[in-house]
Amino acid sequence: METNCDIAKLIHNGGIYKNVEGKTPAEIYEKLSKMIDLPYGTTSELIYNSLCAREKVLSTAVGNGIALPHARTPIVKNDTDQKICVVYLKEPIDMNAPDERLVYVMFVLLTSNSQFHLKVLSSLAGLFRDVQFRKALENHADEATLSALIRDLA
């Protein structure tokens, strides 16, 4: 089991998607599930259904225009397949965020075990508290910019 939580590497593995269209989380998850590079044995339907099922339980919006969609249970089998997909939305959507802000960016987590998943969530929460990081997200920062900020803040 991988214990190192390298957020920049996970984003590199998952990719950055800009101007993703959709009026609801389900519409966005459907599009994203067909866009991302999936490991062998994982289907776009599994990703879509897992993300939608989790969203039905409780919104994954965390505030400041950010959401953390993820499955309730691990959906990738190998540690090397873990990733974070950064998804900038074409138009912000309402996801019932605690601060009532519309969501403009999603960090979609695909992890292989619960313990690592919690470490990733904790690391992301720390990044989201940083004003400079949030400003970069508002500007739809690319991977190089996000990676540099993550390393500076580590």
N, C-alpha and C. Protein backbone atom coordinates (compact mmCIF):
# COMPACT_ATOMS: atom_id res chain seq x y z
N MET A 1 0.84 -1.18 0.00
CA MET A 1 0.00 0.00 0.00
C MET A 1 0.88 1.24 0.00
N GLU A 2 0.56 2.18 -0.90
CA GLU A 2 1.31 3.41 -0.99
C GLU A 2 0.97 4.29 0.19
N THR A 3 2.00 4.80 0.89
CA THR A 3 1.73 5.66 2.02
C THR A 3 2.08 7.11 1.72
N ASN A 4 2.90 7.36 0.71
CA ASN A 4 3.27 8.70 0.33
C ASN A 4 2.10 9.35 -0.42
N CYS A 5 1.74 10.54 0.00
CA CYS A 5 0.60 11.23 -0.60
C CYS A 5 1.13 12.42 -1.42
N ASP A 6 1.57 12.13 -2.63
CA ASP A 6 2.12 13.14 -3.53
C ASP A 6 0.99 13.68 -4.39
N ILE A 7 0.38 14.77 -3.94
CA ILE A 7 -0.78 15.33 -4.63
C ILE A 7 -0.43 15.73 -6.06
N ALA A 8 0.74 16.33 -6.26
CA ALA A 8 1.14 16.75 -7.61
C ALA A 8 1.23 15.55 -8.55
N LYS A 9 1.77 14.44 -8.05
CA LYS A 9 1.88 13.23 -8.87
C LYS A 9 0.49 12.65 -9.17
N LEU A 10 -0.39 12.68 -8.19
CA LEU A 10 -1.75 12.18 -8.40
C LEU A 10 -2.49 13.02 -9.44
N ILE A 11 -2.27 14.34 -9.42
CA ILE A 11 -2.88 15.21 -10.42
C ILE A 11 -2.27 14.93 -11.79
N HIS A 12 -0.96 14.71 -11.82
CA HIS A 12 -0.31 14.37 -13.09
C HIS A 12 -0.93 13.08 -13.66
N ASN A 13 -1.14 12.09 -12.79
CA ASN A 13 -1.73 10.83 -13.23
C ASN A 13 -3.17 11.00 -13.72
N GLY A 14 -3.90 11.91 -13.10
CA GLY A 14 -5.32 12.09 -13.44
C GLY A 14 -5.59 13.08 -14.54
N GLY A 15 -4.79 14.13 -14.59
CA GLY A 15 -4.96 15.13 -15.62
C GLY A 15 -5.83 16.30 -15.20
N ILE A 16 -5.78 17.33 -16.03
CA ILE A 16 -6.56 18.54 -15.82
C ILE A 16 -7.49 18.70 -17.02
N TYR A 17 -8.75 18.91 -16.72
CA TYR A 17 -9.78 19.03 -17.75
C TYR A 17 -10.42 20.40 -17.62
N LYS A 18 -10.40 21.16 -18.71
CA LYS A 18 -10.94 22.52 -18.67
C LYS A 18 -12.21 22.62 -19.50
N ASN A 19 -13.07 23.55 -19.06
CA ASN A 19 -14.32 23.85 -19.76
C ASN A 19 -15.24 22.65 -19.91
N VAL A 20 -15.31 21.83 -18.87
CA VAL A 20 -16.20 20.68 -18.90
C VAL A 20 -17.63 21.19 -18.70
N GLU A 21 -18.50 20.79 -19.59
CA GLU A 21 -19.87 21.27 -19.57
C GLU A 21 -20.78 20.32 -18.81
N GLY A 22 -21.79 20.92 -18.18
CA GLY A 22 -22.80 20.16 -17.47
C GLY A 22 -23.52 21.07 -16.50
N LYS A 23 -24.82 20.81 -16.32
CA LYS A 23 -25.62 21.63 -15.42
C LYS A 23 -25.81 20.98 -14.06
N THR A 24 -25.47 19.68 -13.98
CA THR A 24 -25.61 18.95 -12.72
C THR A 24 -24.34 18.12 -12.51
N PRO A 25 -24.09 17.72 -11.27
CA PRO A 25 -22.95 16.84 -11.05
C PRO A 25 -23.02 15.58 -11.92
N ALA A 26 -24.20 14.99 -12.05
CA ALA A 26 -24.34 13.75 -12.84
C ALA A 26 -23.91 13.97 -14.29
N GLU A 27 -24.30 15.09 -14.87
CA GLU A 27 -23.90 15.38 -16.26
C GLU A 27 -22.38 15.51 -16.38
N ILE A 28 -21.79 16.15 -15.42
CA ILE A 28 -20.33 16.32 -15.43
C ILE A 28 -19.64 14.98 -15.22
N TYR A 29 -20.13 14.18 -14.27
CA TYR A 29 -19.52 12.86 -14.02
C TYR A 29 -19.63 11.97 -15.25
N GLU A 30 -20.75 12.07 -15.96
CA GLU A 30 -20.92 11.25 -17.16
C GLU A 30 -19.87 11.63 -18.21
N LYS A 31 -19.70 12.92 -18.43
CA LYS A 31 -18.71 13.37 -19.42
C LYS A 31 -17.30 13.00 -18.98
N LEU A 32 -16.99 13.28 -17.72
CA LEU A 32 -15.64 13.01 -17.22
C LEU A 32 -15.31 11.52 -17.27
N SER A 33 -16.26 10.68 -16.91
CA SER A 33 -16.00 9.23 -16.88
C SER A 33 -15.61 8.69 -18.25
N LYS A 34 -16.01 9.39 -19.30
CA LYS A 34 -15.66 8.98 -20.66
C LYS A 34 -14.37 9.63 -21.14
N MET A 35 -13.90 10.65 -20.43
CA MET A 35 -12.70 11.38 -20.85
C MET A 35 -11.42 10.86 -20.20
N ILE A 36 -11.52 10.37 -18.97
CA ILE A 36 -10.30 10.01 -18.25
C ILE A 36 -9.74 8.66 -18.69
N ASP A 37 -8.45 8.55 -18.53
CA ASP A 37 -7.73 7.31 -18.85
C ASP A 37 -7.95 6.34 -17.69
N LEU A 38 -8.70 5.29 -17.95
CA LEU A 38 -9.07 4.35 -16.89
C LEU A 38 -8.15 3.13 -16.89
N PRO A 39 -7.81 2.65 -15.70
CA PRO A 39 -7.00 1.43 -15.63
C PRO A 39 -7.80 0.21 -16.08
N TYR A 40 -7.08 -0.81 -16.48
CA TYR A 40 -7.70 -2.06 -16.90
C TYR A 40 -8.64 -2.55 -15.80
N GLY A 41 -9.84 -2.93 -16.19
CA GLY A 41 -10.80 -3.48 -15.24
C GLY A 41 -11.73 -2.45 -14.64
N THR A 42 -11.47 -1.18 -14.92
CA THR A 42 -12.35 -0.11 -14.43
C THR A 42 -13.07 0.48 -15.63
N THR A 43 -14.38 0.59 -15.53
CA THR A 43 -15.17 1.09 -16.66
C THR A 43 -15.68 2.50 -16.37
N SER A 44 -16.02 3.20 -17.44
CA SER A 44 -16.59 4.54 -17.28
C SER A 44 -17.92 4.45 -16.53
N GLU A 45 -18.66 3.36 -16.73
CA GLU A 45 -19.93 3.19 -16.02
C GLU A 45 -19.71 3.05 -14.51
N LEU A 46 -18.67 2.31 -14.14
CA LEU A 46 -18.36 2.16 -12.71
C LEU A 46 -18.01 3.51 -12.10
N ILE A 47 -17.18 4.28 -12.78
CA ILE A 47 -16.80 5.61 -12.28
C ILE A 47 -18.05 6.48 -12.14
N TYR A 48 -18.83 6.56 -13.19
CA TYR A 48 -20.04 7.38 -13.19
C TYR A 48 -20.98 6.97 -12.05
N ASN A 49 -21.31 5.69 -11.99
CA ASN A 49 -22.25 5.21 -10.97
C ASN A 49 -21.73 5.43 -9.55
N SER A 50 -20.43 5.22 -9.35
CA SER A 50 -19.83 5.40 -8.02
C SER A 50 -19.87 6.86 -7.58
N LEU A 51 -19.54 7.76 -8.50
CA LEU A 51 -19.55 9.19 -8.16
C LEU A 51 -20.97 9.67 -7.90
N CYS A 52 -21.92 9.24 -8.72
CA CYS A 52 -23.32 9.65 -8.53
C CYS A 52 -23.88 9.10 -7.22
N ALA A 53 -23.56 7.85 -6.90
CA ALA A 53 -24.06 7.25 -5.66
C ALA A 53 -23.56 8.02 -4.45
N ARG A 54 -22.30 8.40 -4.46
CA ARG A 54 -21.74 9.17 -3.34
C ARG A 54 -22.39 10.54 -3.24
N GLU A 55 -22.61 11.18 -4.38
CA GLU A 55 -23.21 12.52 -4.39
C GLU A 55 -24.63 12.50 -3.84
N LYS A 56 -25.35 11.37 -4.04
CA LYS A 56 -26.72 11.26 -3.54
C LYS A 56 -26.75 11.22 -2.01
N VAL A 57 -25.68 10.68 -1.40
CA VAL A 57 -25.62 10.59 0.05
C VAL A 57 -25.45 11.97 0.67
N LEU A 58 -24.52 12.75 0.14
CA LEU A 58 -24.22 14.08 0.66
C LEU A 58 -23.37 14.80 -0.37
N SER A 59 -23.61 16.07 -0.54
CA SER A 59 -22.85 16.84 -1.51
C SER A 59 -21.36 16.76 -1.21
N THR A 60 -20.56 16.68 -2.28
CA THR A 60 -19.11 16.66 -2.12
C THR A 60 -18.52 18.06 -2.25
N ALA A 61 -19.37 19.08 -2.36
CA ALA A 61 -18.89 20.46 -2.37
C ALA A 61 -18.35 20.79 -0.98
N VAL A 62 -17.15 21.40 -0.95
CA VAL A 62 -16.51 21.70 0.34
C VAL A 62 -16.44 23.20 0.64
N GLY A 63 -16.87 24.01 -0.31
CA GLY A 63 -16.82 25.46 -0.12
C GLY A 63 -15.77 26.11 -1.00
N ASN A 64 -15.82 27.42 -1.08
CA ASN A 64 -14.90 28.20 -1.91
C ASN A 64 -14.95 27.81 -3.38
N GLY A 65 -16.08 27.28 -3.83
CA GLY A 65 -16.23 26.91 -5.23
C GLY A 65 -15.59 25.59 -5.60
N ILE A 66 -15.24 24.78 -4.60
CA ILE A 66 -14.50 23.53 -4.81
C ILE A 66 -15.35 22.33 -4.38
N ALA A 67 -15.26 21.25 -5.15
CA ALA A 67 -15.91 19.98 -4.77
C ALA A 67 -14.88 18.86 -4.86
N LEU A 68 -15.10 17.84 -4.06
CA LEU A 68 -14.21 16.67 -4.00
C LEU A 68 -14.99 15.39 -4.29
N PRO A 69 -15.47 15.22 -5.50
CA PRO A 69 -16.20 13.99 -5.82
C PRO A 69 -15.31 12.75 -5.64
N HIS A 70 -15.90 11.72 -5.07
CA HIS A 70 -15.19 10.47 -4.84
C HIS A 70 -16.20 9.37 -4.59
N ALA A 71 -15.75 8.16 -4.75
CA ALA A 71 -16.62 7.01 -4.49
C ALA A 71 -16.63 6.71 -2.99
N ARG A 72 -17.65 6.00 -2.56
CA ARG A 72 -17.73 5.61 -1.14
C ARG A 72 -16.78 4.47 -0.82
N THR A 73 -16.43 3.71 -1.84
CA THR A 73 -15.48 2.60 -1.66
C THR A 73 -14.42 2.71 -2.76
N PRO A 74 -13.25 2.14 -2.54
CA PRO A 74 -12.20 2.21 -3.56
C PRO A 74 -12.67 1.63 -4.90
N ILE A 75 -12.31 2.32 -6.00
CA ILE A 75 -12.76 1.86 -7.32
C ILE A 75 -11.61 1.57 -8.27
N VAL A 76 -10.38 1.80 -7.84
CA VAL A 76 -9.25 1.33 -8.63
C VAL A 76 -8.54 0.27 -7.81
N LYS A 77 -7.96 -0.70 -8.48
CA LYS A 77 -7.41 -1.86 -7.78
C LYS A 77 -5.97 -1.66 -7.31
N ASN A 78 -5.16 -0.97 -8.09
CA ASN A 78 -3.73 -0.85 -7.80
C ASN A 78 -3.35 0.54 -7.35
N ASP A 79 -2.39 0.61 -6.43
CA ASP A 79 -1.89 1.90 -5.96
C ASP A 79 -1.39 2.76 -7.11
N THR A 80 -0.79 2.14 -8.11
CA THR A 80 -0.23 2.90 -9.23
C THR A 80 -1.31 3.50 -10.12
N ASP A 81 -2.56 3.06 -9.96
CA ASP A 81 -3.67 3.59 -10.76
C ASP A 81 -4.39 4.75 -10.08
N GLN A 82 -3.97 5.09 -8.87
CA GLN A 82 -4.63 6.17 -8.13
C GLN A 82 -4.38 7.51 -8.83
N LYS A 83 -5.40 8.37 -8.77
CA LYS A 83 -5.26 9.66 -9.45
C LYS A 83 -6.24 10.68 -8.91
N ILE A 84 -5.94 11.93 -9.22
CA ILE A 84 -6.86 13.03 -8.98
C ILE A 84 -7.07 13.71 -10.32
N CYS A 85 -8.30 13.83 -10.73
CA CYS A 85 -8.64 14.57 -11.95
C CYS A 85 -9.13 15.95 -11.53
N VAL A 86 -8.45 16.99 -12.00
CA VAL A 86 -8.87 18.35 -11.72
C VAL A 86 -9.77 18.78 -12.87
N VAL A 87 -11.00 19.13 -12.54
CA VAL A 87 -12.01 19.42 -13.54
C VAL A 87 -12.51 20.86 -13.36
N TYR A 88 -12.12 21.71 -14.29
CA TYR A 88 -12.62 23.09 -14.30
C TYR A 88 -13.91 23.11 -15.13
N LEU A 89 -14.97 23.60 -14.52
CA LEU A 89 -16.26 23.61 -15.19
C LEU A 89 -16.39 24.83 -16.11
N LYS A 90 -17.07 24.63 -17.22
CA LYS A 90 -17.31 25.74 -18.14
C LYS A 90 -18.17 26.80 -17.46
N GLU A 91 -19.20 26.34 -16.76
CA GLU A 91 -20.07 27.23 -15.99
C GLU A 91 -20.21 26.64 -14.58
N PRO A 92 -20.06 27.47 -13.55
CA PRO A 92 -20.23 26.97 -12.17
C PRO A 92 -21.62 26.38 -11.96
N ILE A 93 -21.69 25.40 -11.08
CA ILE A 93 -22.99 24.76 -10.78
C ILE A 93 -23.26 24.77 -9.28
N ASP A 94 -24.53 24.67 -8.93
CA ASP A 94 -24.94 24.61 -7.53
C ASP A 94 -24.85 23.16 -7.06
N MET A 95 -24.03 22.94 -6.03
CA MET A 95 -23.92 21.60 -5.44
C MET A 95 -24.23 21.63 -3.94
N ASN A 96 -25.00 22.62 -3.52
CA ASN A 96 -25.37 22.75 -2.10
C ASN A 96 -24.15 22.82 -1.19
N ALA A 97 -23.21 23.68 -1.57
CA ALA A 97 -21.99 23.86 -0.78
C ALA A 97 -22.32 24.47 0.57
N PRO A 98 -21.52 24.19 1.60
CA PRO A 98 -21.79 24.74 2.93
C PRO A 98 -21.75 26.28 2.94
N ASP A 99 -20.96 26.88 2.07
CA ASP A 99 -20.90 28.35 2.00
C ASP A 99 -21.81 28.91 0.90
N GLU A 100 -22.59 28.03 0.27
CA GLU A 100 -23.55 28.37 -0.77
C GLU A 100 -22.92 28.91 -2.06
N ARG A 101 -21.59 28.81 -2.19
CA ARG A 101 -20.94 29.24 -3.43
C ARG A 101 -21.13 28.17 -4.51
N LEU A 102 -21.23 28.62 -5.74
CA LEU A 102 -21.31 27.70 -6.86
C LEU A 102 -19.95 27.03 -7.06
N VAL A 103 -19.97 25.79 -7.48
CA VAL A 103 -18.74 25.02 -7.70
C VAL A 103 -18.22 25.29 -9.11
N TYR A 104 -16.93 25.64 -9.19
CA TYR A 104 -16.31 25.88 -10.49
C TYR A 104 -15.16 24.90 -10.76
N VAL A 105 -14.72 24.18 -9.73
CA VAL A 105 -13.65 23.20 -9.91
C VAL A 105 -13.92 21.98 -9.05
N MET A 106 -13.61 20.82 -9.62
CA MET A 106 -13.75 19.55 -8.90
C MET A 106 -12.40 18.84 -8.88
N PHE A 107 -12.09 18.26 -7.75
CA PHE A 107 -10.94 17.37 -7.62
C PHE A 107 -11.51 15.97 -7.45
N VAL A 108 -11.56 15.21 -8.54
CA VAL A 108 -12.18 13.89 -8.52
C VAL A 108 -11.13 12.87 -8.10
N LEU A 109 -11.39 12.21 -6.97
CA LEU A 109 -10.44 11.27 -6.39
C LEU A 109 -10.75 9.84 -6.81
N LEU A 110 -9.74 9.16 -7.33
CA LEU A 110 -9.84 7.73 -7.63
C LEU A 110 -8.71 7.06 -6.87
N THR A 111 -9.07 6.40 -5.78
CA THR A 111 -8.06 5.78 -4.91
C THR A 111 -8.33 4.29 -4.75
N SER A 112 -7.29 3.58 -4.26
CA SER A 112 -7.40 2.13 -4.16
C SER A 112 -7.67 1.63 -2.74
N ASN A 113 -7.58 2.51 -1.75
CA ASN A 113 -7.89 2.07 -0.39
C ASN A 113 -8.31 3.26 0.48
N SER A 114 -9.07 2.98 1.50
CA SER A 114 -9.66 4.02 2.35
C SER A 114 -8.62 4.83 3.11
N GLN A 115 -7.59 4.18 3.61
CA GLN A 115 -6.57 4.88 4.39
C GLN A 115 -5.86 5.94 3.54
N PHE A 116 -5.46 5.57 2.34
CA PHE A 116 -4.80 6.52 1.44
C PHE A 116 -5.77 7.62 1.04
N HIS A 117 -7.02 7.25 0.80
CA HIS A 117 -8.07 8.20 0.44
C HIS A 117 -8.17 9.31 1.50
N LEU A 118 -8.16 8.93 2.75
CA LEU A 118 -8.25 9.91 3.84
C LEU A 118 -7.02 10.82 3.88
N LYS A 119 -5.84 10.27 3.59
CA LYS A 119 -4.63 11.09 3.54
C LYS A 119 -4.72 12.12 2.42
N VAL A 120 -5.25 11.70 1.28
CA VAL A 120 -5.41 12.62 0.15
C VAL A 120 -6.39 13.73 0.52
N LEU A 121 -7.51 13.37 1.11
CA LEU A 121 -8.49 14.38 1.52
C LEU A 121 -7.88 15.38 2.49
N SER A 122 -7.11 14.89 3.44
CA SER A 122 -6.46 15.77 4.42
C SER A 122 -5.46 16.71 3.74
N SER A 123 -4.67 16.18 2.83
CA SER A 123 -3.69 17.01 2.11
C SER A 123 -4.38 18.07 1.27
N LEU A 124 -5.45 17.68 0.58
CA LEU A 124 -6.19 18.65 -0.23
C LEU A 124 -6.83 19.73 0.64
N ALA A 125 -7.36 19.34 1.78
CA ALA A 125 -7.97 20.33 2.68
C ALA A 125 -6.94 21.39 3.07
N GLY A 126 -5.72 20.96 3.33
CA GLY A 126 -4.66 21.91 3.66
C GLY A 126 -4.38 22.86 2.50
N LEU A 127 -4.34 22.33 1.29
CA LEU A 127 -4.11 23.18 0.11
C LEU A 127 -5.25 24.17 -0.08
N PHE A 128 -6.48 23.72 0.13
CA PHE A 128 -7.64 24.57 -0.09
C PHE A 128 -7.72 25.72 0.92
N ARG A 129 -7.05 25.59 2.04
CA ARG A 129 -7.02 26.67 3.02
C ARG A 129 -6.10 27.81 2.59
N ASP A 130 -5.21 27.53 1.63
CA ASP A 130 -4.24 28.52 1.20
C ASP A 130 -4.85 29.45 0.15
N VAL A 131 -4.81 30.77 0.43
CA VAL A 131 -5.41 31.76 -0.46
C VAL A 131 -4.75 31.74 -1.84
N GLN A 132 -3.44 31.61 -1.89
CA GLN A 132 -2.73 31.61 -3.17
C GLN A 132 -3.15 30.40 -4.01
N PHE A 133 -3.32 29.25 -3.39
CA PHE A 133 -3.74 28.05 -4.11
C PHE A 133 -5.16 28.24 -4.65
N ARG A 134 -6.05 28.76 -3.81
CA ARG A 134 -7.43 28.98 -4.27
C ARG A 134 -7.47 30.00 -5.41
N LYS A 135 -6.64 31.02 -5.34
CA LYS A 135 -6.59 32.03 -6.41
C LYS A 135 -6.13 31.37 -7.71
N ALA A 136 -5.16 30.47 -7.64
CA ALA A 136 -4.70 29.75 -8.83
C ALA A 136 -5.84 28.92 -9.43
N LEU A 137 -6.63 28.30 -8.56
CA LEU A 137 -7.78 27.52 -9.04
C LEU A 137 -8.80 28.43 -9.73
N GLU A 138 -9.03 29.59 -9.15
CA GLU A 138 -9.98 30.54 -9.75
C GLU A 138 -9.51 30.96 -11.15
N ASN A 139 -8.20 30.98 -11.35
CA ASN A 139 -7.63 31.34 -12.65
C ASN A 139 -7.44 30.13 -13.57
N HIS A 140 -7.99 28.99 -13.16
CA HIS A 140 -7.91 27.75 -13.95
C HIS A 140 -6.46 27.39 -14.26
N ALA A 141 -5.66 27.34 -13.21
CA ALA A 141 -4.23 27.04 -13.33
C ALA A 141 -3.99 25.71 -14.02
N ASP A 142 -2.89 25.65 -14.76
CA ASP A 142 -2.50 24.41 -15.43
C ASP A 142 -1.73 23.52 -14.45
N GLU A 143 -1.35 22.35 -14.93
CA GLU A 143 -0.68 21.38 -14.07
C GLU A 143 0.64 21.90 -13.52
N ALA A 144 1.43 22.56 -14.35
CA ALA A 144 2.74 23.07 -13.91
C ALA A 144 2.58 24.07 -12.78
N THR A 145 1.61 24.96 -12.91
CA THR A 145 1.37 25.97 -11.87
C THR A 145 0.91 25.32 -10.57
N LEU A 146 -0.06 24.40 -10.68
CA LEU A 146 -0.55 23.72 -9.49
C LEU A 146 0.57 22.91 -8.82
N SER A 147 1.36 22.21 -9.61
CA SER A 147 2.45 21.40 -9.06
C SER A 147 3.46 22.26 -8.31
N ALA A 148 3.80 23.42 -8.89
CA ALA A 148 4.75 24.32 -8.24
C ALA A 148 4.19 24.83 -6.91
N LEU A 149 2.93 25.20 -6.90
CA LEU A 149 2.30 25.67 -5.66
C LEU A 149 2.25 24.57 -4.62
N ILE A 150 1.90 23.38 -5.05
CA ILE A 150 1.82 22.25 -4.11
C ILE A 150 3.18 21.99 -3.47
N ARG A 151 4.22 22.01 -4.28
CA ARG A 151 5.56 21.77 -3.74
C ARG A 151 6.01 22.91 -2.83
N ASP A 152 5.65 24.14 -3.17
CA ASP A 152 5.99 25.29 -2.31
C ASP A 152 5.28 25.23 -0.97
N LEU A 153 4.07 24.71 -0.97
CA LEU A 153 3.26 24.68 0.25
C LEU A 153 3.53 23.42 1.09
N ALA A 154 4.23 22.46 0.52
CA ALA A 154 4.47 21.20 1.25
C ALA A 154 5.43 21.39 2.40
